[in-house]
Structures are given as C-alpha cells and as structure tokens.
C-alpha cells in the first residue's frame, strides 16, 4: 500500500471528517473509498449510442370522434 499526502480545504476536510464519523470509518478509509469509486467510474464502459435508431413512423388513427368544445369535459371525466 502506498502512502500519500493530500492537501484539502478546511471545509472539505470537515465534511469528510463528519462523513467518516457517521460511517464509523477513518478519514483515510473514506478518502481511499472515494478514490476507488472515481477509478471505477473511469474504467466502466460509457453508455452505448443508439446508432441509427429512429422513432417509428406514426400511425394515422383517424379524426377525432367528438367536437372540440367537448374535449375539456371528456378529459376531466372519471373512468367508472
């Protein structure tokens, strides 16, 4: 295991210290786990691209069956 010294701003160190206490870990353990998480995130494959995928063609379902004046009433009707 390698030892290293990392300067942290006072506010960040206080937050790490609080987190360590809450997790019942030491500050070096929290920092080590954080570094492991960062390395893991960098080595995981990124999201796949969709390539040439496109939305499917829409279907024509015909005209509306009710007049425009009734749409608000129909939208607010409760299904029984």
C-alpha atoms as a PDB file:
ATOM      1  CA  UNK A   1       0.000   0.000   0.000  1.00  0.00           C
ATOM      2  CA  UNK A   2       1.247   3.464  -0.887  1.00  0.00           C
ATOM      3  CA  UNK A   3       1.035   6.401   1.464  1.00  0.00           C
ATOM      4  CA  UNK A   4       0.243   9.870   0.151  1.00  0.00           C
ATOM      5  CA  UNK A   5      -0.383  13.327   1.488  1.00  0.00           C
ATOM      6  CA  UNK A   6      -3.308  15.274   0.031  1.00  0.00           C
ATOM      7  CA  UNK A   7      -4.000  18.903   0.903  1.00  0.00           C
ATOM      8  CA  UNK A   8      -7.730  19.504   1.409  1.00  0.00           C
ATOM      9  CA  UNK A   9      -9.503  22.808   2.019  1.00  0.00           C
ATOM     10  CA  UNK A  10     -10.683  23.115   5.616  1.00  0.00           C
ATOM     11  CA  UNK A  11     -14.370  22.939   4.653  1.00  0.00           C
ATOM     12  CA  UNK A  12     -13.903  19.770   2.590  1.00  0.00           C
ATOM     13  CA  UNK A  13     -11.861  18.137   5.325  1.00  0.00           C
ATOM     14  CA  UNK A  14     -14.572  18.944   7.900  1.00  0.00           C
ATOM     15  CA  UNK A  15     -17.205  17.335   5.660  1.00  0.00           C
ATOM     16  CA  UNK A  16     -15.037  14.244   5.101  1.00  0.00           C
ATOM     17  CA  UNK A  17     -14.402  14.019   8.832  1.00  0.00           C
ATOM     18  CA  UNK A  18     -18.151  14.211   9.560  1.00  0.00           C
ATOM     19  CA  UNK A  19     -18.893  11.583   6.930  1.00  0.00           C
ATOM     20  CA  UNK A  20     -16.219   9.310   8.341  1.00  0.00           C
ATOM     21  CA  UNK A  21     -17.706   9.612  11.826  1.00  0.00           C
ATOM     22  CA  UNK A  22     -21.189   8.893  10.503  1.00  0.00           C
ATOM     23  CA  UNK A  23     -19.939   5.795   8.628  1.00  0.00           C
ATOM     24  CA  UNK A  24     -17.696   4.769  11.521  1.00  0.00           C
ATOM     25  CA  UNK A  25     -14.628   4.891   9.312  1.00  0.00           C
ATOM     26  CA  UNK A  26     -11.378   6.784   9.490  1.00  0.00           C
ATOM     27  CA  UNK A  27     -10.719   9.786   7.257  1.00  0.00           C
ATOM     28  CA  UNK A  28      -8.095   7.825   5.244  1.00  0.00           C
ATOM     29  CA  UNK A  29     -10.619   4.994   4.719  1.00  0.00           C
ATOM     30  CA  UNK A  30     -13.219   7.443   3.376  1.00  0.00           C
ATOM     31  CA  UNK A  31     -10.666   9.046   1.060  1.00  0.00           C
ATOM     32  CA  UNK A  32      -9.477   5.639  -0.139  1.00  0.00           C
ATOM     33  CA  UNK A  33     -13.048   4.536  -0.900  1.00  0.00           C
ATOM     34  CA  UNK A  34     -13.698   7.806  -2.717  1.00  0.00           C
ATOM     35  CA  UNK A  35     -10.585   7.305  -4.859  1.00  0.00           C
ATOM     36  CA  UNK A  36     -11.634   3.704  -5.631  1.00  0.00           C
ATOM     37  CA  UNK A  37     -15.084   4.956  -6.733  1.00  0.00           C
ATOM     38  CA  UNK A  38     -13.518   7.551  -9.044  1.00  0.00           C
ATOM     39  CA  UNK A  39     -11.222   4.975 -10.642  1.00  0.00           C
ATOM     40  CA  UNK A  40     -14.097   2.525 -11.060  1.00  0.00           C
ATOM     41  CA  UNK A  41     -16.278   5.154 -12.755  1.00  0.00           C
ATOM     42  CA  UNK A  42     -13.484   5.961 -15.203  1.00  0.00           C
ATOM     43  CA  UNK A  43     -12.974   2.313 -16.178  1.00  0.00           C
ATOM     44  CA  UNK A  44     -16.645   1.397 -16.662  1.00  0.00           C
ATOM     45  CA  UNK A  45     -17.859   1.497 -20.252  1.00  0.00           C
ATOM     46  CA  UNK A  46     -19.915   4.572 -21.086  1.00  0.00           C
ATOM     47  CA  UNK A  47     -23.491   4.481 -22.308  1.00  0.00           C
ATOM     48  CA  UNK A  48     -23.993   2.936 -25.710  1.00  0.00           C
ATOM     49  CA  UNK A  49     -25.084   5.130 -28.552  1.00  0.00           C
ATOM     50  CA  UNK A  50     -28.322   4.303 -30.332  1.00  0.00           C
ATOM     51  CA  UNK A  51     -26.623   4.258 -33.708  1.00  0.00           C
ATOM     52  CA  UNK A  52     -29.132   4.751 -36.488  1.00  0.00           C
ATOM     53  CA  UNK A  53     -32.219   4.192 -34.323  1.00  0.00           C
ATOM     54  CA  UNK A  54     -35.135   6.482 -35.113  1.00  0.00           C
ATOM     55  CA  UNK A  55     -38.630   6.893 -33.770  1.00  0.00           C
ATOM     56  CA  UNK A  56     -41.062   4.560 -35.540  1.00  0.00           C
ATOM     57  CA  UNK A  57     -43.429   6.008 -38.099  1.00  0.00           C
ATOM     58  CA  UNK A  58     -46.626   7.330 -36.532  1.00  0.00           C
ATOM     59  CA  UNK A  59     -49.967   5.731 -37.403  1.00  0.00           C
ATOM     60  CA  UNK A  60     -52.950   7.684 -38.614  1.00  0.00           C
ATOM     61  CA  UNK A  61     -55.761   6.873 -36.197  1.00  0.00           C
ATOM     62  CA  UNK A  62     -58.445   8.857 -37.961  1.00  0.00           C
ATOM     63  CA  UNK A  63     -60.196  12.054 -36.989  1.00  0.00           C
ATOM     64  CA  UNK A  64     -61.443  12.926 -33.526  1.00  0.00           C
ATOM     65  CA  UNK A  65     -64.829  11.455 -32.753  1.00  0.00           C
ATOM     66  CA  UNK A  66     -66.042  14.313 -30.525  1.00  0.00           C
ATOM     67  CA  UNK A  67     -66.301  18.046 -31.228  1.00  0.00           C
ATOM     68  CA  UNK A  68     -63.537  20.337 -29.923  1.00  0.00           C
ATOM     69  CA  UNK A  69     -65.966  22.003 -27.490  1.00  0.00           C
ATOM     70  CA  UNK A  70     -66.336  18.684 -25.583  1.00  0.00           C
ATOM     71  CA  UNK A  71     -62.610  17.887 -25.206  1.00  0.00           C
ATOM     72  CA  UNK A  72     -62.171  19.617 -21.831  1.00  0.00           C
ATOM     73  CA  UNK A  73     -65.213  17.842 -20.390  1.00  0.00           C
ATOM     74  CA  UNK A  74     -64.080  14.478 -21.760  1.00  0.00           C
ATOM     75  CA  UNK A  75     -60.513  14.933 -20.454  1.00  0.00           C
ATOM     76  CA  UNK A  76     -61.813  15.508 -16.934  1.00  0.00           C
ATOM     77  CA  UNK A  77     -64.328  12.658 -16.881  1.00  0.00           C
ATOM     78  CA  UNK A  78     -63.632   9.944 -14.340  1.00  0.00           C
ATOM     79  CA  UNK A  79     -63.467   6.386 -15.633  1.00  0.00           C
ATOM     80  CA  UNK A  80     -66.015   4.135 -13.931  1.00  0.00           C
END
